[in-house]
Amino acid sequence: MIITNGSDPILSAGTNVSFCYKNMEWTTGDASGGVNGYGGSPASVGINKGDGIAYIQYGRFDTAGTVFNPPPDTSGIRVTRKPVICFGWL
């Protein structure tokens, strides 16, 4: 995670927050109905303001495949190999 005042050259203009993932190779634990890291309740990727109203959801992942479907559908986990999610939050 990178948080800047918006002037850091490592992020593109107009962004000040970045989530950087290397590899995400599982979606859910056994307590969420998963088996060997997959299935069960989908893992969600996104952010929220913490007020119960304002949020952005980038994806819901529950399989080992490479198909990406925007929320509310679910996608394969292999699409999250080394993704970087950047946005402006000033």
PDB file of N, CA and C in Angstrom:
ATOM      1  N   MET A   1       0.839  -1.148   0.000  1.00  0.00           N
ATOM      2  CA  MET A   1       0.000   0.000   0.000  1.00  0.00           C
ATOM      3  C   MET A   1       0.895   1.223   0.000  1.00  0.00           C
ATOM      4  N   ILE A   2       0.553   2.185  -0.860  1.00  0.00           N
ATOM      5  CA  ILE A   2       1.271   3.456  -0.932  1.00  0.00           C
ATOM      6  C   ILE A   2       0.252   4.567  -0.727  1.00  0.00           C
ATOM      7  N   ILE A   3       0.523   5.455   0.207  1.00  0.00           N
ATOM      8  CA  ILE A   3      -0.323   6.624   0.431  1.00  0.00           C
ATOM      9  C   ILE A   3       0.579   7.842   0.367  1.00  0.00           C
ATOM     10  N   THR A   4       0.244   8.787  -0.509  1.00  0.00           N
ATOM     11  CA  THR A   4       1.048  10.005  -0.650  1.00  0.00           C
ATOM     12  C   THR A   4       0.140  11.225  -0.611  1.00  0.00           C
ATOM     13  N   ASN A   5       0.746  12.387  -0.686  1.00  0.00           N
ATOM     14  CA  ASN A   5      -0.033  13.621  -0.753  1.00  0.00           C
ATOM     15  C   ASN A   5      -0.421  13.974  -2.187  1.00  0.00           C
ATOM     16  N   GLY A   6      -0.162  13.068  -3.129  1.00  0.00           N
ATOM     17  CA  GLY A   6      -0.521  13.285  -4.527  1.00  0.00           C
ATOM     18  C   GLY A   6       0.618  13.796  -5.380  1.00  0.00           C
ATOM     19  N   SER A   7       1.776  14.073  -4.775  1.00  0.00           N
ATOM     20  CA  SER A   7       2.893  14.603  -5.556  1.00  0.00           C
ATOM     21  C   SER A   7       4.046  13.612  -5.692  1.00  0.00           C
ATOM     22  N   ASP A   8       3.873  12.396  -5.212  1.00  0.00           N
ATOM     23  CA  ASP A   8       4.932  11.393  -5.305  1.00  0.00           C
ATOM     24  C   ASP A   8       5.023  10.868  -6.732  1.00  0.00           C
ATOM     25  N   PRO A   9       6.204  10.890  -7.357  1.00  0.00           N
ATOM     26  CA  PRO A   9       6.341  10.475  -8.754  1.00  0.00           C
ATOM     27  C   PRO A   9       6.132   8.974  -8.987  1.00  0.00           C
ATOM     28  N   ILE A  10       6.090   8.176  -7.917  1.00  0.00           N
ATOM     29  CA  ILE A  10       5.893   6.737  -8.100  1.00  0.00           C
ATOM     30  C   ILE A  10       4.465   6.413  -8.563  1.00  0.00           C
ATOM     31  N   LEU A  11       3.505   7.304  -8.290  1.00  0.00           N
ATOM     32  CA  LEU A  11       2.124   7.112  -8.716  1.00  0.00           C
ATOM     33  C   LEU A  11       1.787   8.073  -9.846  1.00  0.00           C
ATOM     34  N   SER A  12       0.832   7.686 -10.667  1.00  0.00           N
ATOM     35  CA  SER A  12       0.446   8.551 -11.789  1.00  0.00           C
ATOM     36  C   SER A  12      -0.257   9.812 -11.288  1.00  0.00           C
ATOM     37  N   ALA A  13      -0.265  10.843 -12.117  1.00  0.00           N
ATOM     38  CA  ALA A  13      -0.860  12.136 -11.760  1.00  0.00           C
ATOM     39  C   ALA A  13      -2.320  11.946 -11.365  1.00  0.00           C
ATOM     40  N   GLY A  14      -2.730  12.614 -10.305  1.00  0.00           N
ATOM     41  CA  GLY A  14      -4.113  12.557  -9.856  1.00  0.00           C
ATOM     42  C   GLY A  14      -4.424  11.410  -8.913  1.00  0.00           C
ATOM     43  N   THR A  15      -3.440  10.585  -8.595  1.00  0.00           N
ATOM     44  CA  THR A  15      -3.667   9.491  -7.653  1.00  0.00           C
ATOM     45  C   THR A  15      -2.774   9.648  -6.441  1.00  0.00           C
ATOM     46  N   ASN A  16      -3.260   9.239  -5.295  1.00  0.00           N
ATOM     47  CA  ASN A  16      -2.436   9.314  -4.096  1.00  0.00           C
ATOM     48  C   ASN A  16      -2.509   8.045  -3.248  1.00  0.00           C
ATOM     49  N   VAL A  17      -3.250   7.033  -3.713  1.00  0.00           N
ATOM     50  CA  VAL A  17      -3.327   5.759  -3.003  1.00  0.00           C
ATOM     51  C   VAL A  17      -3.129   4.633  -4.004  1.00  0.00           C
ATOM     52  N   SER A  18      -2.331   3.631  -3.640  1.00  0.00           N
ATOM     53  CA  SER A  18      -2.108   2.483  -4.513  1.00  0.00           C
ATOM     54  C   SER A  18      -2.022   1.208  -3.683  1.00  0.00           C
ATOM     55  N   PHE A  19      -2.786   0.201  -4.080  1.00  0.00           N
ATOM     56  CA  PHE A  19      -2.670  -1.135  -3.505  1.00  0.00           C
ATOM     57  C   PHE A  19      -1.881  -1.966  -4.500  1.00  0.00           C
ATOM     58  N   CYS A  20      -0.796  -2.572  -4.081  1.00  0.00           N
ATOM     59  CA  CYS A  20       0.072  -3.350  -4.967  1.00  0.00           C
ATOM     60  C   CYS A  20       0.146  -4.785  -4.441  1.00  0.00           C
ATOM     61  N   TYR A  21      -0.304  -5.718  -5.258  1.00  0.00           N
ATOM     62  CA  TYR A  21      -0.301  -7.124  -4.872  1.00  0.00           C
ATOM     63  C   TYR A  21       0.754  -7.863  -5.681  1.00  0.00           C
ATOM     64  N   LYS A  22       1.412  -8.839  -5.080  1.00  0.00           N
ATOM     65  CA  LYS A  22       2.331  -9.686  -5.836  1.00  0.00           C
ATOM     66  C   LYS A  22       1.517 -10.818  -6.438  1.00  0.00           C
ATOM     67  N   ASN A  23       1.227 -11.835  -5.695  1.00  0.00           N
ATOM     68  CA  ASN A  23       0.377 -12.928  -6.150  1.00  0.00           C
ATOM     69  C   ASN A  23      -0.683 -13.197  -5.096  1.00  0.00           C
ATOM     70  N   MET A  24      -1.890 -13.423  -5.525  1.00  0.00           N
ATOM     71  CA  MET A  24      -2.971 -13.819  -4.637  1.00  0.00           C
ATOM     72  C   MET A  24      -3.417 -15.188  -5.126  1.00  0.00           C
ATOM     73  N   GLU A  25      -3.118 -16.218  -4.359  1.00  0.00           N
ATOM     74  CA  GLU A  25      -3.328 -17.574  -4.850  1.00  0.00           C
ATOM     75  C   GLU A  25      -4.376 -18.354  -4.062  1.00  0.00           C
ATOM     76  N   TRP A  26      -5.242 -17.652  -3.367  1.00  0.00           N
ATOM     77  CA  TRP A  26      -6.343 -18.292  -2.657  1.00  0.00           C
ATOM     78  C   TRP A  26      -7.485 -17.286  -2.593  1.00  0.00           C
ATOM     79  N   THR A  27      -8.679 -17.763  -2.316  1.00  0.00           N
ATOM     80  CA  THR A  27      -9.824 -16.859  -2.246  1.00  0.00           C
ATOM     81  C   THR A  27     -10.524 -16.880  -0.909  1.00  0.00           C
ATOM     82  N   THR A  28     -10.525 -18.003  -0.223  1.00  0.00           N
ATOM     83  CA  THR A  28     -11.287 -18.088   1.021  1.00  0.00           C
ATOM     84  C   THR A  28     -10.748 -19.196   1.914  1.00  0.00           C
ATOM     85  N   GLY A  29     -10.996 -19.072   3.175  1.00  0.00           N
ATOM     86  CA  GLY A  29     -10.570 -20.091   4.123  1.00  0.00           C
ATOM     87  C   GLY A  29     -11.654 -21.120   4.389  1.00  0.00           C
ATOM     88  N   ASP A  30     -11.300 -22.152   5.118  1.00  0.00           N
ATOM     89  CA  ASP A  30     -12.253 -23.211   5.442  1.00  0.00           C
ATOM     90  C   ASP A  30     -13.453 -22.679   6.229  1.00  0.00           C
ATOM     91  N   ALA A  31     -13.228 -21.672   7.079  1.00  0.00           N
ATOM     92  CA  ALA A  31     -14.314 -21.119   7.890  1.00  0.00           C
ATOM     93  C   ALA A  31     -15.370 -20.412   7.046  1.00  0.00           C
ATOM     94  N   SER A  32     -15.024 -20.041   5.819  1.00  0.00           N
ATOM     95  CA  SER A  32     -15.969 -19.380   4.911  1.00  0.00           C
ATOM     96  C   SER A  32     -16.546 -20.346   3.887  1.00  0.00           C
ATOM     97  N   GLY A  33     -16.397 -21.639   4.133  1.00  0.00           N
ATOM     98  CA  GLY A  33     -16.951 -22.641   3.237  1.00  0.00           C
ATOM     99  C   GLY A  33     -16.031 -23.060   2.116  1.00  0.00           C
ATOM    100  N   GLY A  34     -14.787 -22.619   2.134  1.00  0.00           N
ATOM    101  CA  GLY A  34     -13.838 -22.976   1.086  1.00  0.00           C
ATOM    102  C   GLY A  34     -13.184 -24.330   1.323  1.00  0.00           C
ATOM    103  N   VAL A  35     -12.621 -24.885   0.271  1.00  0.00           N
ATOM    104  CA  VAL A  35     -11.878 -26.135   0.348  1.00  0.00           C
ATOM    105  C   VAL A  35     -10.544 -25.916  -0.363  1.00  0.00           C
ATOM    106  N   ASN A  36      -9.430 -26.104   0.348  1.00  0.00           N
ATOM    107  CA  ASN A  36      -8.094 -25.883  -0.207  1.00  0.00           C
ATOM    108  C   ASN A  36      -7.907 -24.469  -0.750  1.00  0.00           C
ATOM    109  N   GLY A  37      -8.556 -23.491  -0.140  1.00  0.00           N
ATOM    110  CA  GLY A  37      -8.380 -22.091  -0.528  1.00  0.00           C
ATOM    111  C   GLY A  37      -9.336 -21.570  -1.571  1.00  0.00           C
ATOM    112  N   TYR A  38     -10.224 -22.394  -2.106  1.00  0.00           N
ATOM    113  CA  TYR A  38     -11.154 -21.954  -3.153  1.00  0.00           C
ATOM    114  C   TYR A  38     -12.584 -22.298  -2.790  1.00  0.00           C
ATOM    115  N   GLY A  39     -13.528 -21.628  -3.482  1.00  0.00           N
ATOM    116  CA  GLY A  39     -14.941 -21.873  -3.256  1.00  0.00           C
ATOM    117  C   GLY A  39     -15.441 -21.109  -2.043  1.00  0.00           C
ATOM    118  N   GLY A  40     -16.604 -21.463  -1.561  1.00  0.00           N
ATOM    119  CA  GLY A  40     -17.164 -20.789  -0.397  1.00  0.00           C
ATOM    120  C   GLY A  40     -17.513 -19.350  -0.701  1.00  0.00           C
ATOM    121  N   SER A  41     -17.478 -18.510   0.308  1.00  0.00           N
ATOM    122  CA  SER A  41     -17.769 -17.089   0.124  1.00  0.00           C
ATOM    123  C   SER A  41     -16.643 -16.439  -0.663  1.00  0.00           C
ATOM    124  N   PRO A  42     -16.956 -15.718  -1.758  1.00  0.00           N
ATOM    125  CA  PRO A  42     -15.902 -15.107  -2.578  1.00  0.00           C
ATOM    126  C   PRO A  42     -15.089 -14.075  -1.799  1.00  0.00           C
ATOM    127  N   ALA A  43     -13.810 -13.986  -2.110  1.00  0.00           N
ATOM    128  CA  ALA A  43     -12.959 -12.930  -1.564  1.00  0.00           C
ATOM    129  C   ALA A  43     -13.266 -11.649  -2.324  1.00  0.00           C
ATOM    130  N   SER A  44     -13.423 -10.555  -1.612  1.00  0.00           N
ATOM    131  CA  SER A  44     -13.720  -9.260  -2.243  1.00  0.00           C
ATOM    132  C   SER A  44     -12.489  -8.381  -2.225  1.00  0.00           C
ATOM    133  N   VAL A  45     -12.288  -7.650  -3.313  1.00  0.00           N
ATOM    134  CA  VAL A  45     -11.197  -6.692  -3.408  1.00  0.00           C
ATOM    135  C   VAL A  45     -11.825  -5.330  -3.643  1.00  0.00           C
ATOM    136  N   GLY A  46     -11.524  -4.393  -2.768  1.00  0.00           N
ATOM    137  CA  GLY A  46     -12.076  -3.058  -2.893  1.00  0.00           C
ATOM    138  C   GLY A  46     -11.724  -2.208  -1.694  1.00  0.00           C
ATOM    139  N   ILE A  47     -12.352  -1.079  -1.587  1.00  0.00           N
ATOM    140  CA  ILE A  47     -12.127  -0.153  -0.478  1.00  0.00           C
ATOM    141  C   ILE A  47     -13.470   0.385  -0.010  1.00  0.00           C
ATOM    142  N   ASN A  48     -13.519   0.868   1.219  1.00  0.00           N
ATOM    143  CA  ASN A  48     -14.712   1.557   1.686  1.00  0.00           C
ATOM    144  C   ASN A  48     -14.322   2.693   2.598  1.00  0.00           C
ATOM    145  N   LYS A  49     -15.182   3.672   2.673  1.00  0.00           N
ATOM    146  CA  LYS A  49     -14.921   4.867   3.462  1.00  0.00           C
ATOM    147  C   LYS A  49     -15.094   4.606   4.954  1.00  0.00           C
ATOM    148  N   GLY A  50     -15.772   3.524   5.305  1.00  0.00           N
ATOM    149  CA  GLY A  50     -15.990   3.199   6.707  1.00  0.00           C
ATOM    150  C   GLY A  50     -17.291   3.761   7.255  1.00  0.00           C
ATOM    151  N   ASP A  51     -18.118   4.342   6.371  1.00  0.00           N
ATOM    152  CA  ASP A  51     -19.384   4.901   6.820  1.00  0.00           C
ATOM    153  C   ASP A  51     -20.574   4.005   6.496  1.00  0.00           C
ATOM    154  N   GLY A  52     -20.308   2.817   5.925  1.00  0.00           N
ATOM    155  CA  GLY A  52     -21.386   1.903   5.574  1.00  0.00           C
ATOM    156  C   GLY A  52     -22.121   2.277   4.302  1.00  0.00           C
ATOM    157  N   ILE A  53     -21.665   3.332   3.613  1.00  0.00           N
ATOM    158  CA  ILE A  53     -22.345   3.809   2.402  1.00  0.00           C
ATOM    159  C   ILE A  53     -21.394   3.878   1.211  1.00  0.00           C
ATOM    160  N   ALA A  54     -20.302   4.609   1.349  1.00  0.00           N
ATOM    161  CA  ALA A  54     -19.387   4.859   0.231  1.00  0.00           C
ATOM    162  C   ALA A  54     -18.355   3.743   0.109  1.00  0.00           C
ATOM    163  N   TYR A  55     -18.327   3.058  -1.061  1.00  0.00           N
ATOM    164  CA  TYR A  55     -17.366   1.992  -1.295  1.00  0.00           C
ATOM    165  C   TYR A  55     -17.148   1.792  -2.788  1.00  0.00           C
ATOM    166  N   ILE A  56     -16.051   1.116  -3.131  1.00  0.00           N
ATOM    167  CA  ILE A  56     -15.761   0.700  -4.504  1.00  0.00           C
ATOM    168  C   ILE A  56     -15.336  -0.759  -4.418  1.00  0.00           C
ATOM    169  N   GLN A  57     -15.958  -1.610  -5.206  1.00  0.00           N
ATOM    170  CA  GLN A  57     -15.574  -3.014  -5.241  1.00  0.00           C
ATOM    171  C   GLN A  57     -14.980  -3.310  -6.607  1.00  0.00           C
ATOM    172  N   TYR A  58     -13.735  -3.801  -6.638  1.00  0.00           N
ATOM    173  CA  TYR A  58     -13.037  -4.097  -7.890  1.00  0.00           C
ATOM    174  C   TYR A  58     -13.290  -5.508  -8.386  1.00  0.00           C
ATOM    175  N   GLY A  59     -13.526  -6.426  -7.477  1.00  0.00           N
ATOM    176  CA  GLY A  59     -13.741  -7.793  -7.909  1.00  0.00           C
ATOM    177  C   GLY A  59     -14.139  -8.703  -6.775  1.00  0.00           C
ATOM    178  N   ARG A  60     -14.711  -9.855  -7.138  1.00  0.00           N
ATOM    179  CA  ARG A  60     -15.048 -10.933  -6.214  1.00  0.00           C
ATOM    180  C   ARG A  60     -14.473 -12.202  -6.822  1.00  0.00           C
ATOM    181  N   PHE A  61     -13.621 -12.877  -6.080  1.00  0.00           N
ATOM    182  CA  PHE A  61     -12.856 -13.996  -6.623  1.00  0.00           C
ATOM    183  C   PHE A  61     -13.167 -15.281  -5.862  1.00  0.00           C
ATOM    184  N   ASP A  62     -13.428 -16.371  -6.614  1.00  0.00           N
ATOM    185  CA  ASP A  62     -13.739 -17.628  -5.936  1.00  0.00           C
ATOM    186  C   ASP A  62     -13.294 -18.882  -6.685  1.00  0.00           C
ATOM    187  N   THR A  63     -12.549 -18.743  -7.782  1.00  0.00           N
ATOM    188  CA  THR A  63     -12.086 -19.922  -8.518  1.00  0.00           C
ATOM    189  C   THR A  63     -10.624 -19.746  -8.913  1.00  0.00           C
ATOM    190  N   ALA A  64     -10.014 -20.808  -9.387  1.00  0.00           N
ATOM    191  CA  ALA A  64      -8.602 -20.763  -9.779  1.00  0.00           C
ATOM    192  C   ALA A  64      -8.403 -20.297 -11.220  1.00  0.00           C
ATOM    193  N   GLY A  65      -9.456 -19.989 -11.952  1.00  0.00           N
ATOM    194  CA  GLY A  65      -9.355 -19.642 -13.368  1.00  0.00           C
ATOM    195  C   GLY A  65      -8.860 -18.241 -13.644  1.00  0.00           C
ATOM    196  N   THR A  66      -8.888 -17.847 -14.927  1.00  0.00           N
ATOM    197  CA  THR A  66      -8.385 -16.540 -15.355  1.00  0.00           C
ATOM    198  C   THR A  66      -9.470 -15.615 -15.883  1.00  0.00           C
ATOM    199  N   VAL A  67     -10.722 -16.004 -15.800  1.00  0.00           N
ATOM    200  CA  VAL A  67     -11.822 -15.191 -16.309  1.00  0.00           C
ATOM    201  C   VAL A  67     -12.102 -14.034 -15.351  1.00  0.00           C
ATOM    202  N   PHE A  68     -12.245 -12.814 -15.894  1.00  0.00           N
ATOM    203  CA  PHE A  68     -12.615 -11.674 -15.063  1.00  0.00           C
ATOM    204  C   PHE A  68     -14.022 -11.240 -15.401  1.00  0.00           C
ATOM    205  N   ASN A  69     -14.873 -11.184 -14.393  1.00  0.00           N
ATOM    206  CA  ASN A  69     -16.231 -10.668 -14.507  1.00  0.00           C
ATOM    207  C   ASN A  69     -16.373  -9.541 -13.495  1.00  0.00           C
ATOM    208  N   PRO A  70     -16.835  -8.372 -13.901  1.00  0.00           N
ATOM    209  CA  PRO A  70     -17.004  -7.287 -12.933  1.00  0.00           C
ATOM    210  C   PRO A  70     -18.036  -7.656 -11.863  1.00  0.00           C
ATOM    211  N   PRO A  71     -17.937  -7.066 -10.663  1.00  0.00           N
ATOM    212  CA  PRO A  71     -18.924  -7.326  -9.623  1.00  0.00           C
ATOM    213  C   PRO A  71     -20.318  -6.966 -10.143  1.00  0.00           C
ATOM    214  N   PRO A  72     -21.354  -7.672  -9.748  1.00  0.00           N
ATOM    215  CA  PRO A  72     -21.401  -8.596  -8.617  1.00  0.00           C
ATOM    216  C   PRO A  72     -21.032 -10.030  -8.976  1.00  0.00           C
ATOM    217  N   ASP A  73     -20.726 -10.330 -10.244  1.00  0.00           N
ATOM    218  CA  ASP A  73     -20.318 -11.684 -10.616  1.00  0.00           C
ATOM    219  C   ASP A  73     -18.959 -12.003 -10.005  1.00  0.00           C
ATOM    220  N   THR A  74     -18.593 -13.288 -10.019  1.00  0.00           N
ATOM    221  CA  THR A  74     -17.298 -13.689  -9.468  1.00  0.00           C
ATOM    222  C   THR A  74     -16.318 -14.031 -10.580  1.00  0.00           C
ATOM    223  N   SER A  75     -15.045 -14.034 -10.240  1.00  0.00           N
ATOM    224  CA  SER A  75     -13.971 -14.206 -11.215  1.00  0.00           C
ATOM    225  C   SER A  75     -12.960 -15.227 -10.740  1.00  0.00           C
ATOM    226  N   GLY A  76     -12.047 -15.585 -11.651  1.00  0.00           N
ATOM    227  CA  GLY A  76     -10.940 -16.468 -11.314  1.00  0.00           C
ATOM    228  C   GLY A  76      -9.813 -15.689 -10.662  1.00  0.00           C
ATOM    229  N   ILE A  77      -9.111 -16.320  -9.755  1.00  0.00           N
ATOM    230  CA  ILE A  77      -8.064 -15.666  -8.975  1.00  0.00           C
ATOM    231  C   ILE A  77      -6.822 -15.338  -9.786  1.00  0.00           C
ATOM    232  N   ARG A  78      -6.560 -16.038 -10.849  1.00  0.00           N
ATOM    233  CA  ARG A  78      -5.339 -15.808 -11.616  1.00  0.00           C
ATOM    234  C   ARG A  78      -5.319 -14.438 -12.294  1.00  0.00           C
ATOM    235  N   VAL A  79      -6.439 -13.744 -12.384  1.00  0.00           N
ATOM    236  CA  VAL A  79      -6.422 -12.404 -12.973  1.00  0.00           C
ATOM    237  C   VAL A  79      -5.788 -11.395 -12.029  1.00  0.00           C
ATOM    238  N   THR A  80      -5.528 -11.767 -10.778  1.00  0.00           N
ATOM    239  CA  THR A  80      -4.949 -10.827  -9.820  1.00  0.00           C
ATOM    240  C   THR A  80      -3.436 -10.954  -9.701  1.00  0.00           C
ATOM    241  N   ARG A  81      -2.772 -11.563 -10.662  1.00  0.00           N
ATOM    242  CA  ARG A  81      -1.314 -11.658 -10.621  1.00  0.00           C
ATOM    243  C   ARG A  81      -0.695 -10.276 -10.786  1.00  0.00           C
ATOM    244  N   LYS A  82      -0.045  -9.817  -9.753  1.00  0.00           N
ATOM    245  CA  LYS A  82       0.678  -8.540  -9.722  1.00  0.00           C
ATOM    246  C   LYS A  82      -0.152  -7.329 -10.152  1.00  0.00           C
ATOM    247  N   PRO A  83      -1.402  -7.214  -9.707  1.00  0.00           N
ATOM    248  CA  PRO A  83      -2.178  -6.029 -10.074  1.00  0.00           C
ATOM    249  C   PRO A  83      -1.794  -4.832  -9.210  1.00  0.00           C
ATOM    250  N   VAL A  84      -1.999  -3.674  -9.738  1.00  0.00           N
ATOM    251  CA  VAL A  84      -1.821  -2.430  -9.003  1.00  0.00           C
ATOM    252  C   VAL A  84      -3.106  -1.635  -9.171  1.00  0.00           C
ATOM    253  N   ILE A  85      -3.738  -1.279  -8.072  1.00  0.00           N
ATOM    254  CA  ILE A  85      -4.979  -0.519  -8.099  1.00  0.00           C
ATOM    255  C   ILE A  85      -4.662   0.859  -7.542  1.00  0.00           C
ATOM    256  N   CYS A  86      -4.810   1.896  -8.377  1.00  0.00           N
ATOM    257  CA  CYS A  86      -4.506   3.262  -7.960  1.00  0.00           C
ATOM    258  C   CYS A  86      -5.758   4.123  -8.061  1.00  0.00           C
ATOM    259  N   PHE A  87      -5.895   5.075  -7.157  1.00  0.00           N
ATOM    260  CA  PHE A  87      -7.006   6.007  -7.219  1.00  0.00           C
ATOM    261  C   PHE A  87      -6.668   7.259  -6.440  1.00  0.00           C
ATOM    262  N   GLY A  88      -7.401   8.336  -6.735  1.00  0.00           N
ATOM    263  CA  GLY A  88      -7.236   9.601  -6.021  1.00  0.00           C
ATOM    264  C   GLY A  88      -8.225   9.686  -4.891  1.00  0.00           C
ATOM    265  N   TRP A  89      -7.766  10.045  -3.715  1.00  0.00           N
ATOM    266  CA  TRP A  89      -8.618  10.134  -2.548  1.00  0.00           C
ATOM    267  C   TRP A  89      -8.214  11.373  -1.762  1.00  0.00           C
ATOM    268  N   LEU A  90      -8.285  12.513  -2.404  1.00  0.00           N
ATOM    269  CA  LEU A  90      -7.884  13.766  -1.741  1.00  0.00           C
ATOM    270  C   LEU A  90      -9.082  14.568  -1.314  1.00  0.00           C
TER     271      LEU A  90
END
